[in-house]
N, C-alpha and C. Protein backbone atom coordinates (compact mmCIF):
# COMPACT_ATOMS: atom_id res chain seq x y z
N UNK A 1 116.77 90.11 16.45
CA UNK A 1 116.50 90.28 15.02
C UNK A 1 115.23 89.48 14.67
N UNK A 2 114.32 90.12 14.00
CA UNK A 2 113.09 89.43 13.61
C UNK A 2 113.34 88.53 12.40
N UNK A 3 112.55 87.45 12.28
CA UNK A 3 112.75 86.54 11.15
C UNK A 3 112.37 87.21 9.82
N UNK A 4 113.06 86.83 8.79
CA UNK A 4 112.77 87.34 7.46
C UNK A 4 111.62 86.55 6.85
N UNK A 5 111.07 87.08 5.77
CA UNK A 5 109.98 86.39 5.07
C UNK A 5 110.23 86.48 3.58
N UNK A 6 110.19 85.33 2.90
CA UNK A 6 110.39 85.28 1.46
C UNK A 6 109.04 85.33 0.75
N UNK A 7 108.97 86.16 -0.29
CA UNK A 7 107.76 86.30 -1.09
C UNK A 7 108.16 86.11 -2.54
N UNK A 8 107.45 85.22 -3.25
CA UNK A 8 107.72 85.01 -4.66
C UNK A 8 107.42 86.25 -5.48
N UNK A 9 108.01 86.32 -6.63
CA UNK A 9 107.74 87.44 -7.54
C UNK A 9 106.31 87.33 -8.06
N UNK A 10 105.66 88.45 -8.36
CA UNK A 10 104.33 88.38 -8.97
C UNK A 10 104.43 87.79 -10.38
N UNK A 11 103.42 87.05 -10.79
CA UNK A 11 103.42 86.38 -12.10
C UNK A 11 103.12 87.35 -13.24
N UNK A 12 102.34 88.37 -12.98
CA UNK A 12 101.84 89.27 -14.05
C UNK A 12 102.93 89.82 -14.97
N UNK A 13 104.07 90.29 -14.48
CA UNK A 13 105.07 90.84 -15.41
C UNK A 13 105.65 89.81 -16.39
N UNK A 14 105.54 88.53 -16.05
CA UNK A 14 106.12 87.47 -16.89
C UNK A 14 105.11 86.86 -17.86
N UNK A 15 103.82 87.04 -17.60
CA UNK A 15 102.76 86.44 -18.43
C UNK A 15 102.92 86.74 -19.92
N UNK A 16 103.22 87.98 -20.32
CA UNK A 16 103.35 88.26 -21.76
C UNK A 16 104.52 87.53 -22.43
N UNK A 17 105.45 87.03 -21.65
CA UNK A 17 106.63 86.37 -22.22
C UNK A 17 106.36 84.92 -22.61
N UNK A 18 105.47 84.23 -21.91
CA UNK A 18 105.27 82.80 -22.14
C UNK A 18 104.83 82.46 -23.57
N UNK A 19 103.95 83.23 -24.21
CA UNK A 19 103.55 82.86 -25.57
C UNK A 19 104.54 83.27 -26.67
N UNK A 20 105.61 83.98 -26.32
CA UNK A 20 106.56 84.44 -27.34
C UNK A 20 107.30 83.27 -27.98
N UNK A 21 107.71 83.48 -29.21
CA UNK A 21 108.51 82.47 -29.91
C UNK A 21 109.92 82.43 -29.32
N UNK A 22 110.66 81.39 -29.64
CA UNK A 22 112.03 81.28 -29.16
C UNK A 22 112.88 82.46 -29.65
N UNK A 23 112.65 82.90 -30.88
CA UNK A 23 113.40 84.03 -31.42
C UNK A 23 113.05 85.32 -30.68
N UNK A 24 111.78 85.51 -30.36
CA UNK A 24 111.37 86.71 -29.61
C UNK A 24 111.94 86.68 -28.19
N UNK A 25 111.98 85.51 -27.58
CA UNK A 25 112.59 85.40 -26.25
C UNK A 25 114.08 85.71 -26.33
N UNK A 26 114.75 85.16 -27.32
CA UNK A 26 116.20 85.39 -27.48
C UNK A 26 116.50 86.88 -27.64
N UNK A 27 115.64 87.61 -28.34
CA UNK A 27 115.84 89.04 -28.51
C UNK A 27 115.75 89.79 -27.19
N UNK A 28 115.12 89.18 -26.19
CA UNK A 28 115.01 89.77 -24.85
C UNK A 28 116.03 89.16 -23.88
N UNK A 29 116.91 88.33 -24.40
CA UNK A 29 117.91 87.70 -23.56
C UNK A 29 117.38 86.55 -22.73
N UNK A 30 116.26 85.96 -23.15
CA UNK A 30 115.61 84.88 -22.42
C UNK A 30 115.55 83.63 -23.29
N UNK A 31 115.25 82.50 -22.64
CA UNK A 31 115.04 81.27 -23.41
C UNK A 31 114.10 80.34 -22.66
N UNK A 32 113.43 79.49 -23.42
CA UNK A 32 112.52 78.49 -22.88
C UNK A 32 113.33 77.23 -22.56
N UNK A 33 113.08 76.66 -21.40
CA UNK A 33 113.77 75.43 -21.01
C UNK A 33 112.75 74.46 -20.43
N UNK A 34 113.11 73.19 -20.42
CA UNK A 34 112.29 72.15 -19.80
C UNK A 34 113.15 71.52 -18.70
N UNK A 35 112.63 71.50 -17.49
CA UNK A 35 113.36 70.91 -16.37
C UNK A 35 113.65 69.45 -16.67
N UNK A 36 114.89 69.04 -16.42
CA UNK A 36 115.25 67.64 -16.65
C UNK A 36 115.73 66.96 -15.37
N UNK A 37 115.68 67.68 -14.26
CA UNK A 37 116.05 67.11 -12.97
C UNK A 37 115.44 67.96 -11.87
N UNK A 38 115.46 67.44 -10.67
CA UNK A 38 115.05 68.22 -9.51
C UNK A 38 115.95 67.83 -8.35
N UNK A 39 116.51 68.76 -7.60
CA UNK A 39 116.40 70.19 -7.79
C UNK A 39 117.25 70.67 -8.96
N UNK A 40 117.17 71.95 -9.22
CA UNK A 40 118.00 72.52 -10.28
C UNK A 40 117.32 73.61 -11.07
N UNK A 41 115.99 73.74 -10.94
CA UNK A 41 115.23 74.75 -11.69
C UNK A 41 114.30 75.47 -10.72
N UNK A 42 114.85 76.34 -9.86
CA UNK A 42 114.05 77.00 -8.84
C UNK A 42 113.20 78.16 -9.40
N UNK A 43 111.90 78.01 -9.33
CA UNK A 43 110.98 79.04 -9.82
C UNK A 43 110.93 80.19 -8.81
N UNK A 44 111.12 81.40 -9.28
CA UNK A 44 111.12 82.57 -8.40
C UNK A 44 109.73 83.16 -8.18
N UNK A 45 108.71 82.55 -8.77
CA UNK A 45 107.33 82.93 -8.51
C UNK A 45 106.76 82.03 -7.41
N UNK A 46 106.88 80.72 -7.61
CA UNK A 46 106.30 79.76 -6.67
C UNK A 46 107.23 79.39 -5.53
N UNK A 47 108.51 79.74 -5.65
CA UNK A 47 109.53 79.39 -4.66
C UNK A 47 109.65 77.88 -4.48
N UNK A 48 109.40 77.14 -5.56
CA UNK A 48 109.53 75.68 -5.58
C UNK A 48 110.36 75.28 -6.79
N UNK A 49 111.04 74.15 -6.68
CA UNK A 49 111.75 73.63 -7.84
C UNK A 49 110.76 73.04 -8.82
N UNK A 50 111.01 73.26 -10.10
CA UNK A 50 110.19 72.65 -11.14
C UNK A 50 110.46 71.15 -11.16
N UNK A 51 109.45 70.40 -11.51
CA UNK A 51 109.58 68.95 -11.67
C UNK A 51 110.05 68.65 -13.09
N UNK A 52 110.75 67.53 -13.29
CA UNK A 52 111.17 67.17 -14.64
C UNK A 52 109.98 67.18 -15.61
N UNK A 53 110.20 67.80 -16.77
CA UNK A 53 109.17 67.92 -17.78
C UNK A 53 108.42 69.24 -17.76
N UNK A 54 108.55 70.00 -16.68
CA UNK A 54 107.87 71.30 -16.61
C UNK A 54 108.61 72.34 -17.43
N UNK A 55 107.84 73.22 -18.07
CA UNK A 55 108.40 74.29 -18.90
C UNK A 55 108.64 75.52 -18.05
N UNK A 56 109.78 76.16 -18.28
CA UNK A 56 110.14 77.38 -17.59
C UNK A 56 110.74 78.37 -18.58
N UNK A 57 110.84 79.60 -18.15
CA UNK A 57 111.63 80.58 -18.87
C UNK A 57 112.85 80.90 -18.02
N UNK A 58 114.00 80.99 -18.65
CA UNK A 58 115.22 81.44 -18.02
C UNK A 58 115.48 82.83 -18.57
N UNK A 59 115.52 83.83 -17.70
CA UNK A 59 115.62 85.20 -18.16
C UNK A 59 116.38 86.06 -17.17
N UNK A 60 116.91 87.19 -17.65
CA UNK A 60 117.56 88.12 -16.73
C UNK A 60 116.50 88.87 -15.94
N UNK A 61 116.78 89.12 -14.68
CA UNK A 61 115.84 89.86 -13.83
C UNK A 61 116.62 90.89 -13.03
N UNK A 62 116.22 92.14 -13.17
CA UNK A 62 116.87 93.22 -12.42
C UNK A 62 116.23 93.30 -11.04
N UNK A 63 116.88 92.73 -10.05
CA UNK A 63 116.31 92.68 -8.71
C UNK A 63 116.67 93.90 -7.86
N UNK A 64 117.62 94.69 -8.29
CA UNK A 64 117.95 95.95 -7.61
C UNK A 64 118.05 97.00 -8.71
N UNK A 65 116.92 97.67 -8.94
CA UNK A 65 116.84 98.58 -10.09
C UNK A 65 117.22 100.02 -9.76
N UNK A 66 117.47 100.32 -8.50
CA UNK A 66 117.82 101.69 -8.14
C UNK A 66 119.12 102.13 -8.81
N UNK A 67 119.18 103.39 -9.15
CA UNK A 67 120.38 103.95 -9.77
C UNK A 67 121.41 104.19 -8.68
N UNK A 68 122.18 103.16 -8.39
CA UNK A 68 123.21 103.23 -7.34
C UNK A 68 124.31 102.24 -7.69
N UNK A 69 125.41 102.28 -6.95
CA UNK A 69 126.46 101.30 -7.19
C UNK A 69 126.01 99.86 -6.95
N UNK A 70 124.87 99.67 -6.28
CA UNK A 70 124.37 98.33 -5.98
C UNK A 70 123.36 97.82 -7.00
N UNK A 71 123.11 98.61 -8.06
CA UNK A 71 122.20 98.16 -9.11
C UNK A 71 122.66 96.79 -9.60
N UNK A 72 121.69 95.85 -9.73
CA UNK A 72 122.11 94.49 -10.03
C UNK A 72 120.99 93.69 -10.69
N UNK A 73 121.40 92.69 -11.47
CA UNK A 73 120.45 91.76 -12.06
C UNK A 73 121.10 90.38 -12.08
N UNK A 74 120.27 89.39 -12.31
CA UNK A 74 120.78 88.04 -12.39
C UNK A 74 119.77 87.14 -13.07
N UNK A 75 120.17 85.92 -13.43
CA UNK A 75 119.27 85.01 -14.12
C UNK A 75 118.28 84.36 -13.14
N UNK A 76 117.04 84.21 -13.59
CA UNK A 76 116.03 83.51 -12.79
C UNK A 76 115.24 82.57 -13.69
N UNK A 77 114.61 81.59 -13.07
CA UNK A 77 113.65 80.71 -13.73
C UNK A 77 112.25 81.09 -13.27
N UNK A 78 111.29 81.08 -14.19
CA UNK A 78 109.87 81.22 -13.83
C UNK A 78 109.10 80.12 -14.58
N UNK A 79 108.22 79.44 -13.84
CA UNK A 79 107.46 78.32 -14.41
C UNK A 79 106.17 78.82 -15.06
N UNK A 80 105.80 78.19 -16.14
CA UNK A 80 104.53 78.46 -16.80
C UNK A 80 103.41 78.11 -15.82
N UNK A 81 102.49 79.03 -15.58
CA UNK A 81 101.34 78.77 -14.73
C UNK A 81 101.62 78.80 -13.25
N UNK A 82 102.79 79.22 -12.82
CA UNK A 82 103.13 79.26 -11.40
C UNK A 82 102.29 80.30 -10.67
N UNK A 83 101.98 80.02 -9.42
CA UNK A 83 101.26 80.97 -8.57
C UNK A 83 102.23 81.54 -7.54
N UNK A 84 102.07 82.82 -7.29
CA UNK A 84 102.93 83.49 -6.32
C UNK A 84 102.76 82.87 -4.94
N UNK A 85 103.88 82.66 -4.27
CA UNK A 85 103.87 82.01 -2.96
C UNK A 85 104.57 82.90 -1.94
N UNK A 86 104.05 82.89 -0.73
CA UNK A 86 104.67 83.57 0.39
C UNK A 86 104.99 82.53 1.45
N UNK A 87 106.24 82.44 1.84
CA UNK A 87 106.62 81.49 2.87
C UNK A 87 106.36 82.09 4.25
N UNK A 88 106.21 81.26 5.23
CA UNK A 88 106.02 81.73 6.61
C UNK A 88 107.29 82.43 7.07
N UNK A 89 107.15 83.39 7.96
CA UNK A 89 108.31 84.10 8.49
C UNK A 89 109.30 83.11 9.06
N UNK A 90 110.58 83.27 8.67
CA UNK A 90 111.63 82.40 9.15
C UNK A 90 111.78 81.09 8.40
N UNK A 91 110.87 80.78 7.48
CA UNK A 91 110.95 79.52 6.72
C UNK A 91 112.00 79.61 5.63
């Protein structure tokens, strides 16, 4: 079996969300949070935990969007200004 490779989510789809007000985020099922510990706030763009004091968005993300019994979503954190990261195969 070949090693897997993790790739962070692209930042572009989340960029329009960062300047939204708390009320606008809430209408989308999201909220702004500030990391208060590490680990505990894993950014799905950078694949790193946010440091205490860093701003993130907590939002629902549909990671399996196909119309099938396996369609699924879950909560993720994304950090303001995060850059997409690709880990080495098997890391």
